[in-house]
């Protein structure tokens, strides 16, 4: 019983599997642990076809770069497990250390395959590959665990990198992430006010879900399609043509306020839009401030759940 307890503590494997491994290895603890790892990898590969649409986002950052990755599992129960959370944070730190080719770079599992991950956890010790680390955790959890996706964002100019995590079980983890870079033209400008507004704007990204930075970045096809839909809706009112045109233009402005970052009402003060926030910040700092890039991620986006889909967690 003492050996079973020790092996359970080391591996978190089911008691039935622990006992079977010890018996097969003549009660040699080290050999049984190695055997469980072998079996665990096999078990993990069998589970890899199961839907994994739950999980967590993990965020790591320094002064000039931020990395966010999504680690998926099948249930929220596993997402709350400290080993799963430890792995997610470790992967985010690894993504942060990886080379990036642009200001915003996609991070896939293949881009981390060549990198070794050094796990310093009582139940996950030593240097290993990212793939093997994920398989070990999958075996411990008894669920399909997989690397979903990831991104890095780098600063190209003087400024600040701002981040916000929603539904945060511990620092660096959450279900929705907002990241943006604020660039300041004057390299000698005080960044304290910029950092404060940057944190609010990162929270805004999570809550308001902007799709593009400026109106100019909305494609002509999208604008034309939206205009036709709004015109058709307005014509059903039976109003004169001049009134219909005004209705369409008014509703189009409303559309831009919903999807364009700079046109959105600021969530902290909805009497002004984001464009005005940056204008006032520029005056306070004494130098032009602009948004370099922004990114919003949410757990499970685009993933089909095995059972009836529940609404994704939304920002408060």
C-alpha atoms as a PDB file:
ATOM      1  CA  UNK A   1       0.000   0.000   0.000  1.00  0.00           C
ATOM      2  CA  UNK A   2       2.914   2.321   0.745  1.00  0.00           C
ATOM      3  CA  UNK A   3       4.385   1.767  -2.725  1.00  0.00           C
ATOM      4  CA  UNK A   4       0.998   2.320  -4.349  1.00  0.00           C
ATOM      5  CA  UNK A   5       0.597   5.577  -2.432  1.00  0.00           C
ATOM      6  CA  UNK A   6       4.074   6.787  -3.425  1.00  0.00           C
ATOM      7  CA  UNK A   7       3.548   5.987  -7.103  1.00  0.00           C
ATOM      8  CA  UNK A   8       0.132   7.673  -7.054  1.00  0.00           C
ATOM      9  CA  UNK A   9       1.703  10.812  -5.574  1.00  0.00           C
ATOM     10  CA  UNK A  10       4.435  10.799  -8.204  1.00  0.00           C
ATOM     11  CA  UNK A  11       2.251  10.212 -11.253  1.00  0.00           C
ATOM     12  CA  UNK A  12      -1.405  11.021 -10.404  1.00  0.00           C
ATOM     13  CA  UNK A  13      -2.300   7.905 -12.397  1.00  0.00           C
ATOM     14  CA  UNK A  14      -5.473   5.917 -11.516  1.00  0.00           C
ATOM     15  CA  UNK A  15      -4.943   3.499  -8.599  1.00  0.00           C
ATOM     16  CA  UNK A  16      -5.817   0.489 -10.756  1.00  0.00           C
ATOM     17  CA  UNK A  17      -3.097   1.405 -13.287  1.00  0.00           C
ATOM     18  CA  UNK A  18      -0.604   2.099 -10.491  1.00  0.00           C
ATOM     19  CA  UNK A  19      -1.146  -1.299  -8.883  1.00  0.00           C
ATOM     20  CA  UNK A  20      -0.972  -3.131 -12.224  1.00  0.00           C
ATOM     21  CA  UNK A  21       2.319  -1.427 -13.137  1.00  0.00           C
ATOM     22  CA  UNK A  22       3.864  -2.296  -9.753  1.00  0.00           C
ATOM     23  CA  UNK A  23       2.823  -5.941 -10.062  1.00  0.00           C
ATOM     24  CA  UNK A  24       4.193  -6.153 -13.619  1.00  0.00           C
ATOM     25  CA  UNK A  25       7.498  -4.655 -12.436  1.00  0.00           C
ATOM     26  CA  UNK A  26       7.808  -6.872  -9.320  1.00  0.00           C
ATOM     27  CA  UNK A  27       7.083  -3.889  -7.061  1.00  0.00           C
ATOM     28  CA  UNK A  28      10.088  -1.920  -8.338  1.00  0.00           C
ATOM     29  CA  UNK A  29       8.974   1.702  -7.863  1.00  0.00           C
ATOM     30  CA  UNK A  30      11.287   3.305 -10.448  1.00  0.00           C
ATOM     31  CA  UNK A  31      10.569   0.654 -13.071  1.00  0.00           C
ATOM     32  CA  UNK A  32       6.825   0.951 -12.444  1.00  0.00           C
ATOM     33  CA  UNK A  33       6.967   4.733 -12.852  1.00  0.00           C
ATOM     34  CA  UNK A  34       8.759   4.283 -16.181  1.00  0.00           C
ATOM     35  CA  UNK A  35       6.202   1.686 -17.233  1.00  0.00           C
ATOM     36  CA  UNK A  36       3.349   4.056 -16.401  1.00  0.00           C
ATOM     37  CA  UNK A  37       4.946   6.733 -18.541  1.00  0.00           C
ATOM     38  CA  UNK A  38       5.094   4.273 -21.435  1.00  0.00           C
ATOM     39  CA  UNK A  39       1.482   3.255 -20.923  1.00  0.00           C
ATOM     40  CA  UNK A  40       0.445   6.859 -20.390  1.00  0.00           C
ATOM     41  CA  UNK A  41       1.761   7.920 -23.763  1.00  0.00           C
ATOM     42  CA  UNK A  42      -0.189   5.105 -25.394  1.00  0.00           C
ATOM     43  CA  UNK A  43      -3.323   6.031 -23.470  1.00  0.00           C
ATOM     44  CA  UNK A  44      -2.901   9.672 -24.405  1.00  0.00           C
ATOM     45  CA  UNK A  45      -2.632   8.863 -28.104  1.00  0.00           C
ATOM     46  CA  UNK A  46      -5.877   6.864 -27.943  1.00  0.00           C
ATOM     47  CA  UNK A  47      -7.638   9.872 -26.406  1.00  0.00           C
ATOM     48  CA  UNK A  48      -6.303  12.311 -29.015  1.00  0.00           C
ATOM     49  CA  UNK A  49      -9.361  11.932 -31.251  1.00  0.00           C
ATOM     50  CA  UNK A  50     -11.765  13.087 -28.528  1.00  0.00           C
ATOM     51  CA  UNK A  51     -13.070  16.655 -28.615  1.00  0.00           C
ATOM     52  CA  UNK A  52     -11.083  19.080 -26.483  1.00  0.00           C
ATOM     53  CA  UNK A  53     -12.872  22.443 -26.515  1.00  0.00           C
ATOM     54  CA  UNK A  54     -12.332  23.466 -22.882  1.00  0.00           C
ATOM     55  CA  UNK A  55      -9.066  24.633 -21.373  1.00  0.00           C
ATOM     56  CA  UNK A  56      -7.213  27.830 -20.587  1.00  0.00           C
ATOM     57  CA  UNK A  57      -5.216  30.629 -22.145  1.00  0.00           C
ATOM     58  CA  UNK A  58      -1.774  31.220 -20.650  1.00  0.00           C
ATOM     59  CA  UNK A  59       0.017  34.545 -20.977  1.00  0.00           C
ATOM     60  CA  UNK A  60       3.691  35.469 -20.544  1.00  0.00           C
ATOM     61  CA  UNK A  61       5.234  38.850 -21.231  1.00  0.00           C
ATOM     62  CA  UNK A  62       8.196  41.154 -20.804  1.00  0.00           C
ATOM     63  CA  UNK A  63       8.654  44.861 -21.583  1.00  0.00           C
ATOM     64  CA  UNK A  64       8.653  44.434 -25.350  1.00  0.00           C
ATOM     65  CA  UNK A  65       6.861  41.161 -26.102  1.00  0.00           C
ATOM     66  CA  UNK A  66       3.821  39.121 -25.043  1.00  0.00           C
ATOM     67  CA  UNK A  67       2.926  35.507 -25.793  1.00  0.00           C
ATOM     68  CA  UNK A  68      -0.464  33.850 -25.335  1.00  0.00           C
ATOM     69  CA  UNK A  69      -1.184  30.161 -25.925  1.00  0.00           C
ATOM     70  CA  UNK A  70      -4.306  28.018 -25.687  1.00  0.00           C
ATOM     71  CA  UNK A  71      -4.079  24.615 -24.013  1.00  0.00           C
ATOM     72  CA  UNK A  72      -7.234  22.564 -24.533  1.00  0.00           C
ATOM     73  CA  UNK A  73      -8.825  19.694 -22.647  1.00  0.00           C
ATOM     74  CA  UNK A  74     -12.235  18.024 -22.607  1.00  0.00           C
ATOM     75  CA  UNK A  75     -13.696  19.328 -19.354  1.00  0.00           C
ATOM     76  CA  UNK A  76     -13.541  22.400 -17.141  1.00  0.00           C
ATOM     77  CA  UNK A  77     -12.641  20.053 -14.271  1.00  0.00           C
ATOM     78  CA  UNK A  78      -9.251  19.293 -15.843  1.00  0.00           C
ATOM     79  CA  UNK A  79      -8.707  22.981 -16.683  1.00  0.00           C
ATOM     80  CA  UNK A  80      -8.813  23.648 -12.928  1.00  0.00           C
ATOM     81  CA  UNK A  81      -6.113  21.046 -12.217  1.00  0.00           C
ATOM     82  CA  UNK A  82      -2.839  22.596 -11.050  1.00  0.00           C
ATOM     83  CA  UNK A  83      -0.704  20.276 -13.226  1.00  0.00           C
ATOM     84  CA  UNK A  84      -2.657  21.301 -16.343  1.00  0.00           C
ATOM     85  CA  UNK A  85      -2.289  24.964 -15.348  1.00  0.00           C
ATOM     86  CA  UNK A  86       1.434  24.539 -14.680  1.00  0.00           C
ATOM     87  CA  UNK A  87       1.935  23.082 -18.169  1.00  0.00           C
ATOM     88  CA  UNK A  88      -0.047  25.919 -19.782  1.00  0.00           C
ATOM     89  CA  UNK A  89       2.097  28.560 -18.066  1.00  0.00           C
ATOM     90  CA  UNK A  90       5.288  26.696 -19.012  1.00  0.00           C
ATOM     91  CA  UNK A  91       4.225  26.629 -22.675  1.00  0.00           C
ATOM     92  CA  UNK A  92       3.485  30.364 -22.635  1.00  0.00           C
ATOM     93  CA  UNK A  93       6.960  31.088 -21.251  1.00  0.00           C
ATOM     94  CA  UNK A  94       8.472  28.856 -23.929  1.00  0.00           C
ATOM     95  CA  UNK A  95       6.520  30.688 -26.660  1.00  0.00           C
ATOM     96  CA  UNK A  96       7.781  34.001 -25.269  1.00  0.00           C
ATOM     97  CA  UNK A  97      11.384  32.813 -25.595  1.00  0.00           C
ATOM     98  CA  UNK A  98      10.924  31.558 -29.166  1.00  0.00           C
ATOM     99  CA  UNK A  99      12.029  33.680 -32.109  1.00  0.00           C
ATOM    100  CA  UNK A 100       9.259  35.633 -33.828  1.00  0.00           C
ATOM    101  CA  UNK A 101       9.285  36.801 -37.440  1.00  0.00           C
ATOM    102  CA  UNK A 102       7.016  39.854 -37.131  1.00  0.00           C
ATOM    103  CA  UNK A 103       5.096  42.142 -34.822  1.00  0.00           C
ATOM    104  CA  UNK A 104       2.308  39.546 -34.535  1.00  0.00           C
ATOM    105  CA  UNK A 105       3.367  35.941 -35.106  1.00  0.00           C
ATOM    106  CA  UNK A 106       1.284  32.772 -34.988  1.00  0.00           C
ATOM    107  CA  UNK A 107       2.709  30.054 -32.732  1.00  0.00           C
ATOM    108  CA  UNK A 108       1.816  26.483 -33.628  1.00  0.00           C
ATOM    109  CA  UNK A 109       2.897  23.231 -32.014  1.00  0.00           C
ATOM    110  CA  UNK A 110       5.285  22.636 -34.925  1.00  0.00           C
ATOM    111  CA  UNK A 111       7.155  25.863 -34.121  1.00  0.00           C
ATOM    112  CA  UNK A 112       7.832  24.626 -30.580  1.00  0.00           C
ATOM    113  CA  UNK A 113       8.764  21.048 -31.514  1.00  0.00           C
ATOM    114  CA  UNK A 114      12.476  21.802 -31.761  1.00  0.00           C
ATOM    115  CA  UNK A 115      12.520  23.506 -28.352  1.00  0.00           C
ATOM    116  CA  UNK A 116      13.054  21.601 -25.129  1.00  0.00           C
ATOM    117  CA  UNK A 117      10.844  22.361 -22.163  1.00  0.00           C
ATOM    118  CA  UNK A 118      12.336  22.062 -18.683  1.00  0.00           C
ATOM    119  CA  UNK A 119       9.606  20.944 -16.287  1.00  0.00           C
ATOM    120  CA  UNK A 120      10.251  21.661 -12.620  1.00  0.00           C
ATOM    121  CA  UNK A 121       7.227  20.098 -10.940  1.00  0.00           C
ATOM    122  CA  UNK A 122       7.012  17.252  -8.386  1.00  0.00           C
ATOM    123  CA  UNK A 123       4.983  15.148 -10.842  1.00  0.00           C
ATOM    124  CA  UNK A 124       6.564  16.349 -14.099  1.00  0.00           C
ATOM    125  CA  UNK A 125      10.317  16.499 -13.717  1.00  0.00           C
ATOM    126  CA  UNK A 126      13.129  16.964 -16.171  1.00  0.00           C
ATOM    127  CA  UNK A 127      13.786  18.223 -19.668  1.00  0.00           C
ATOM    128  CA  UNK A 128      11.537  16.855 -22.400  1.00  0.00           C
ATOM    129  CA  UNK A 129       9.869  17.792 -25.670  1.00  0.00           C
ATOM    130  CA  UNK A 130       6.659  19.814 -25.753  1.00  0.00           C
ATOM    131  CA  UNK A 131       4.802  16.925 -27.363  1.00  0.00           C
ATOM    132  CA  UNK A 132       5.863  14.430 -24.687  1.00  0.00           C
ATOM    133  CA  UNK A 133       5.024  16.865 -21.878  1.00  0.00           C
ATOM    134  CA  UNK A 134       1.488  17.248 -23.267  1.00  0.00           C
ATOM    135  CA  UNK A 135       1.123  13.471 -23.591  1.00  0.00           C
ATOM    136  CA  UNK A 136       2.249  12.941 -19.999  1.00  0.00           C
ATOM    137  CA  UNK A 137      -0.325  15.404 -18.706  1.00  0.00           C
ATOM    138  CA  UNK A 138      -3.013  13.839 -20.899  1.00  0.00           C
ATOM    139  CA  UNK A 139      -2.212  10.448 -19.366  1.00  0.00           C
ATOM    140  CA  UNK A 140      -2.418  11.879 -15.829  1.00  0.00           C
ATOM    141  CA  UNK A 141      -5.686  13.682 -16.504  1.00  0.00           C
ATOM    142  CA  UNK A 142      -7.329  10.806 -18.360  1.00  0.00           C
ATOM    143  CA  UNK A 143      -8.454  13.230 -21.078  1.00  0.00           C
ATOM    144  CA  UNK A 144      -7.389  14.484 -24.460  1.00  0.00           C
ATOM    145  CA  UNK A 145      -5.045  17.426 -23.860  1.00  0.00           C
ATOM    146  CA  UNK A 146      -3.719  19.370 -26.830  1.00  0.00           C
ATOM    147  CA  UNK A 147      -1.951  22.579 -27.789  1.00  0.00           C
ATOM    148  CA  UNK A 148      -4.604  24.685 -29.495  1.00  0.00           C
ATOM    149  CA  UNK A 149      -2.872  27.772 -30.877  1.00  0.00           C
ATOM    150  CA  UNK A 150      -0.719  30.680 -29.847  1.00  0.00           C
ATOM    151  CA  UNK A 151       0.478  34.146 -30.805  1.00  0.00           C
ATOM    152  CA  UNK A 152       3.309  36.472 -29.922  1.00  0.00           C
ATOM    153  CA  UNK A 153       3.159  40.259 -30.196  1.00  0.00           C
ATOM    154  CA  UNK A 154       6.308  42.376 -30.224  1.00  0.00           C
ATOM    155  CA  UNK A 155       6.893  46.102 -29.775  1.00  0.00           C
ATOM    156  CA  UNK A 156       8.483  47.780 -32.783  1.00  0.00           C
ATOM    157  CA  UNK A 157       8.657  51.273 -31.267  1.00  0.00           C
ATOM    158  CA  UNK A 158       8.880  53.021 -27.889  1.00  0.00           C
ATOM    159  CA  UNK A 159       5.797  52.358 -25.767  1.00  0.00           C
ATOM    160  CA  UNK A 160       4.090  49.749 -23.615  1.00  0.00           C
ATOM    161  CA  UNK A 161       2.706  46.236 -24.019  1.00  0.00           C
ATOM    162  CA  UNK A 162      -0.647  45.944 -22.233  1.00  0.00           C
ATOM    163  CA  UNK A 163      -2.538  42.746 -21.402  1.00  0.00           C
ATOM    164  CA  UNK A 164      -5.733  41.674 -19.647  1.00  0.00           C
ATOM    165  CA  UNK A 165      -7.054  38.227 -18.711  1.00  0.00           C
ATOM    166  CA  UNK A 166     -10.722  37.551 -17.970  1.00  0.00           C
ATOM    167  CA  UNK A 167     -11.923  34.715 -15.688  1.00  0.00           C
ATOM    168  CA  UNK A 168      -8.473  34.381 -14.151  1.00  0.00           C
ATOM    169  CA  UNK A 169      -7.920  31.399 -11.785  1.00  0.00           C
ATOM    170  CA  UNK A 170      -4.341  32.543 -11.088  1.00  0.00           C
ATOM    171  CA  UNK A 171      -1.900  35.115 -12.531  1.00  0.00           C
ATOM    172  CA  UNK A 172      -1.090  34.411 -16.160  1.00  0.00           C
ATOM    173  CA  UNK A 173      -4.158  32.242 -16.839  1.00  0.00           C
ATOM    174  CA  UNK A 174      -7.663  33.012 -18.074  1.00  0.00           C
ATOM    175  CA  UNK A 175     -10.422  32.166 -20.541  1.00  0.00           C
ATOM    176  CA  UNK A 176     -10.296  35.395 -22.579  1.00  0.00           C
ATOM    177  CA  UNK A 177      -7.205  37.488 -23.311  1.00  0.00           C
ATOM    178  CA  UNK A 178      -6.760  41.010 -24.628  1.00  0.00           C
ATOM    179  CA  UNK A 179      -3.325  42.232 -25.753  1.00  0.00           C
ATOM    180  CA  UNK A 180      -2.310  45.493 -27.378  1.00  0.00           C
ATOM    181  CA  UNK A 181       0.759  47.631 -27.935  1.00  0.00           C
ATOM    182  CA  UNK A 182       0.679  51.401 -27.441  1.00  0.00           C
ATOM    183  CA  UNK A 183       3.388  53.287 -29.310  1.00  0.00           C
ATOM    184  CA  UNK A 184       4.645  56.716 -28.159  1.00  0.00           C
ATOM    185  CA  UNK A 185       6.446  58.925 -30.655  1.00  0.00           C
ATOM    186  CA  UNK A 186       8.669  60.711 -28.105  1.00  0.00           C
ATOM    187  CA  UNK A 187      11.139  58.189 -26.673  1.00  0.00           C
ATOM    188  CA  UNK A 188      11.676  60.400 -23.618  1.00  0.00           C
ATOM    189  CA  UNK A 189       7.970  60.591 -22.737  1.00  0.00           C
ATOM    190  CA  UNK A 190       6.791  59.362 -19.326  1.00  0.00           C
ATOM    191  CA  UNK A 191       4.978  56.037 -19.814  1.00  0.00           C
ATOM    192  CA  UNK A 192       3.120  55.889 -16.491  1.00  0.00           C
ATOM    193  CA  UNK A 193      -0.117  57.354 -17.894  1.00  0.00           C
ATOM    194  CA  UNK A 194       0.271  55.235 -21.043  1.00  0.00           C
ATOM    195  CA  UNK A 195       0.509  52.056 -18.950  1.00  0.00           C
ATOM    196  CA  UNK A 196      -2.658  52.941 -17.038  1.00  0.00           C
ATOM    197  CA  UNK A 197      -4.721  53.606 -20.177  1.00  0.00           C
ATOM    198  CA  UNK A 198      -3.160  50.579 -21.888  1.00  0.00           C
ATOM    199  CA  UNK A 199      -4.492  48.272 -19.169  1.00  0.00           C
ATOM    200  CA  UNK A 200      -7.981  49.745 -19.625  1.00  0.00           C
ATOM    201  CA  UNK A 201      -7.788  49.359 -23.405  1.00  0.00           C
ATOM    202  CA  UNK A 202      -6.690  45.708 -23.082  1.00  0.00           C
ATOM    203  CA  UNK A 203      -9.797  45.134 -20.942  1.00  0.00           C
ATOM    204  CA  UNK A 204     -11.813  46.992 -23.590  1.00  0.00           C
ATOM    205  CA  UNK A 205     -10.560  44.557 -26.259  1.00  0.00           C
ATOM    206  CA  UNK A 206     -11.874  41.632 -24.204  1.00  0.00           C
ATOM    207  CA  UNK A 207     -15.283  43.222 -23.571  1.00  0.00           C
ATOM    208  CA  UNK A 208     -15.977  45.027 -26.864  1.00  0.00           C
ATOM    209  CA  UNK A 209     -14.511  42.475 -29.333  1.00  0.00           C
ATOM    210  CA  UNK A 210     -13.176  44.888 -31.994  1.00  0.00           C
ATOM    211  CA  UNK A 211     -12.477  43.295 -35.373  1.00  0.00           C
ATOM    212  CA  UNK A 212     -10.316  45.963 -37.023  1.00  0.00           C
ATOM    213  CA  UNK A 213      -8.356  49.012 -35.825  1.00  0.00           C
ATOM    214  CA  UNK A 214      -9.720  51.706 -38.167  1.00  0.00           C
ATOM    215  CA  UNK A 215     -12.615  52.178 -40.609  1.00  0.00           C
ATOM    216  CA  UNK A 216     -10.163  52.184 -43.507  1.00  0.00           C
ATOM    217  CA  UNK A 217      -9.293  48.561 -42.728  1.00  0.00           C
ATOM    218  CA  UNK A 218     -12.885  47.397 -43.263  1.00  0.00           C
ATOM    219  CA  UNK A 219     -12.923  46.045 -46.820  1.00  0.00           C
ATOM    220  CA  UNK A 220     -15.062  47.730 -49.496  1.00  0.00           C
ATOM    221  CA  UNK A 221     -16.916  44.452 -50.071  1.00  0.00           C
ATOM    222  CA  UNK A 222     -17.908  44.229 -46.412  1.00  0.00           C
ATOM    223  CA  UNK A 223     -19.074  47.860 -46.329  1.00  0.00           C
ATOM    224  CA  UNK A 224     -21.062  47.439 -49.556  1.00  0.00           C
ATOM    225  CA  UNK A 225     -22.681  44.236 -48.324  1.00  0.00           C
ATOM    226  CA  UNK A 226     -23.611  45.875 -45.019  1.00  0.00           C
ATOM    227  CA  UNK A 227     -24.989  48.917 -46.840  1.00  0.00           C
ATOM    228  CA  UNK A 228     -27.223  46.722 -49.034  1.00  0.00           C
ATOM    229  CA  UNK A 229     -28.577  44.847 -46.010  1.00  0.00           C
ATOM    230  CA  UNK A 230     -29.304  48.093 -44.142  1.00  0.00           C
ATOM    231  CA  UNK A 231     -30.934  49.632 -47.230  1.00  0.00           C
ATOM    232  CA  UNK A 232     -33.216  46.612 -47.640  1.00  0.00           C
ATOM    233  CA  UNK A 233     -34.222  46.855 -43.976  1.00  0.00           C
ATOM    234  CA  UNK A 234     -34.861  50.619 -44.234  1.00  0.00           C
ATOM    235  CA  UNK A 235     -36.942  50.296 -47.408  1.00  0.00           C
ATOM    236  CA  UNK A 236     -39.356  47.980 -45.607  1.00  0.00           C
ATOM    237  CA  UNK A 237     -40.324  50.959 -43.411  1.00  0.00           C
ATOM    238  CA  UNK A 238     -42.041  52.635 -46.387  1.00  0.00           C
ATOM    239  CA  UNK A 239     -40.337  55.981 -45.757  1.00  0.00           C
ATOM    240  CA  UNK A 240     -39.242  58.441 -48.494  1.00  0.00           C
ATOM    241  CA  UNK A 241     -35.935  57.797 -50.303  1.00  0.00           C
ATOM    242  CA  UNK A 242     -34.178  60.742 -48.629  1.00  0.00           C
ATOM    243  CA  UNK A 243     -35.122  59.417 -45.191  1.00  0.00           C
ATOM    244  CA  UNK A 244     -34.001  55.920 -46.167  1.00  0.00           C
ATOM    245  CA  UNK A 245     -30.539  57.211 -47.155  1.00  0.00           C
ATOM    246  CA  UNK A 246     -30.169  58.959 -43.788  1.00  0.00           C
ATOM    247  CA  UNK A 247     -31.282  55.791 -41.978  1.00  0.00           C
ATOM    248  CA  UNK A 248     -28.707  53.714 -43.877  1.00  0.00           C
ATOM    249  CA  UNK A 249     -25.848  56.113 -43.133  1.00  0.00           C
ATOM    250  CA  UNK A 250     -26.838  56.301 -39.466  1.00  0.00           C
ATOM    251  CA  UNK A 251     -26.973  52.535 -39.120  1.00  0.00           C
ATOM    252  CA  UNK A 252     -23.667  52.190 -40.975  1.00  0.00           C
ATOM    253  CA  UNK A 253     -22.048  54.509 -38.422  1.00  0.00           C
ATOM    254  CA  UNK A 254     -23.519  52.291 -35.726  1.00  0.00           C
ATOM    255  CA  UNK A 255     -21.984  49.237 -37.444  1.00  0.00           C
ATOM    256  CA  UNK A 256     -18.549  50.886 -37.425  1.00  0.00           C
ATOM    257  CA  UNK A 257     -18.987  51.712 -33.728  1.00  0.00           C
ATOM    258  CA  UNK A 258     -19.552  48.006 -33.066  1.00  0.00           C
ATOM    259  CA  UNK A 259     -16.614  46.502 -34.981  1.00  0.00           C
ATOM    260  CA  UNK A 260     -13.940  49.217 -35.390  1.00  0.00           C
ATOM    261  CA  UNK A 261     -11.661  49.639 -32.368  1.00  0.00           C
ATOM    262  CA  UNK A 262     -11.084  53.393 -32.801  1.00  0.00           C
ATOM    263  CA  UNK A 263     -14.824  54.072 -33.241  1.00  0.00           C
ATOM    264  CA  UNK A 264     -16.054  51.966 -30.306  1.00  0.00           C
ATOM    265  CA  UNK A 265     -17.428  53.576 -27.158  1.00  0.00           C
ATOM    266  CA  UNK A 266     -14.804  53.276 -24.425  1.00  0.00           C
ATOM    267  CA  UNK A 267     -16.009  50.726 -21.861  1.00  0.00           C
ATOM    268  CA  UNK A 268     -14.624  52.745 -18.940  1.00  0.00           C
ATOM    269  CA  UNK A 269     -16.422  55.917 -20.105  1.00  0.00           C
ATOM    270  CA  UNK A 270     -19.032  55.379 -22.825  1.00  0.00           C
ATOM    271  CA  UNK A 271     -19.465  59.119 -23.443  1.00  0.00           C
ATOM    272  CA  UNK A 272     -16.272  59.045 -25.541  1.00  0.00           C
ATOM    273  CA  UNK A 273     -14.809  56.673 -28.123  1.00  0.00           C
ATOM    274  CA  UNK A 274     -11.364  55.075 -28.233  1.00  0.00           C
ATOM    275  CA  UNK A 275     -10.132  57.656 -30.747  1.00  0.00           C
ATOM    276  CA  UNK A 276     -10.871  60.390 -28.199  1.00  0.00           C
ATOM    277  CA  UNK A 277      -9.172  58.396 -25.428  1.00  0.00           C
ATOM    278  CA  UNK A 278      -5.953  58.286 -27.453  1.00  0.00           C
ATOM    279  CA  UNK A 279      -6.230  61.958 -28.355  1.00  0.00           C
ATOM    280  CA  UNK A 280      -6.560  62.955 -24.689  1.00  0.00           C
ATOM    281  CA  UNK A 281      -3.728  60.598 -23.706  1.00  0.00           C
ATOM    282  CA  UNK A 282      -1.464  62.145 -26.356  1.00  0.00           C
ATOM    283  CA  UNK A 283      -2.101  65.606 -24.884  1.00  0.00           C
ATOM    284  CA  UNK A 284      -1.371  64.332 -21.364  1.00  0.00           C
ATOM    285  CA  UNK A 285       1.875  62.649 -22.407  1.00  0.00           C
ATOM    286  CA  UNK A 286       2.925  65.495 -24.672  1.00  0.00           C
ATOM    287  CA  UNK A 287       3.540  63.164 -27.597  1.00  0.00           C
ATOM    288  CA  UNK A 288       1.371  61.294 -30.157  1.00  0.00           C
ATOM    289  CA  UNK A 289       0.217  57.879 -28.859  1.00  0.00           C
ATOM    290  CA  UNK A 290      -1.226  55.241 -31.170  1.00  0.00           C
ATOM    291  CA  UNK A 291      -2.253  51.596 -31.062  1.00  0.00           C
ATOM    292  CA  UNK A 292       0.342  49.441 -32.811  1.00  0.00           C
ATOM    293  CA  UNK A 293      -1.430  46.074 -32.759  1.00  0.00           C
ATOM    294  CA  UNK A 294      -4.150  44.337 -30.791  1.00  0.00           C
ATOM    295  CA  UNK A 295      -5.296  40.767 -30.287  1.00  0.00           C
ATOM    296  CA  UNK A 296      -8.252  39.032 -28.636  1.00  0.00           C
ATOM    297  CA  UNK A 297      -8.392  35.301 -27.882  1.00  0.00           C
ATOM    298  CA  UNK A 298     -11.066  33.184 -26.233  1.00  0.00           C
ATOM    299  CA  UNK A 299     -10.962  29.547 -25.162  1.00  0.00           C
ATOM    300  CA  UNK A 300     -12.738  27.207 -27.562  1.00  0.00           C
ATOM    301  CA  UNK A 301     -13.225  29.654 -30.443  1.00  0.00           C
ATOM    302  CA  UNK A 302     -14.053  27.680 -33.570  1.00  0.00           C
ATOM    303  CA  UNK A 303     -13.927  24.322 -31.788  1.00  0.00           C
ATOM    304  CA  UNK A 304     -16.903  21.976 -32.018  1.00  0.00           C
ATOM    305  CA  UNK A 305     -17.963  20.595 -28.661  1.00  0.00           C
ATOM    306  CA  UNK A 306     -18.851  16.932 -28.305  1.00  0.00           C
ATOM    307  CA  UNK A 307     -22.131  17.680 -26.526  1.00  0.00           C
ATOM    308  CA  UNK A 308     -24.682  20.472 -26.930  1.00  0.00           C
ATOM    309  CA  UNK A 309     -22.678  23.670 -27.102  1.00  0.00           C
ATOM    310  CA  UNK A 310     -22.873  26.002 -24.143  1.00  0.00           C
ATOM    311  CA  UNK A 311     -22.369  29.760 -24.655  1.00  0.00           C
ATOM    312  CA  UNK A 312     -18.728  30.758 -24.544  1.00  0.00           C
ATOM    313  CA  UNK A 313     -17.694  32.775 -21.506  1.00  0.00           C
ATOM    314  CA  UNK A 314     -18.197  36.444 -22.237  1.00  0.00           C
ATOM    315  CA  UNK A 315     -16.561  39.448 -20.661  1.00  0.00           C
ATOM    316  CA  UNK A 316     -18.497  41.054 -17.859  1.00  0.00           C
END
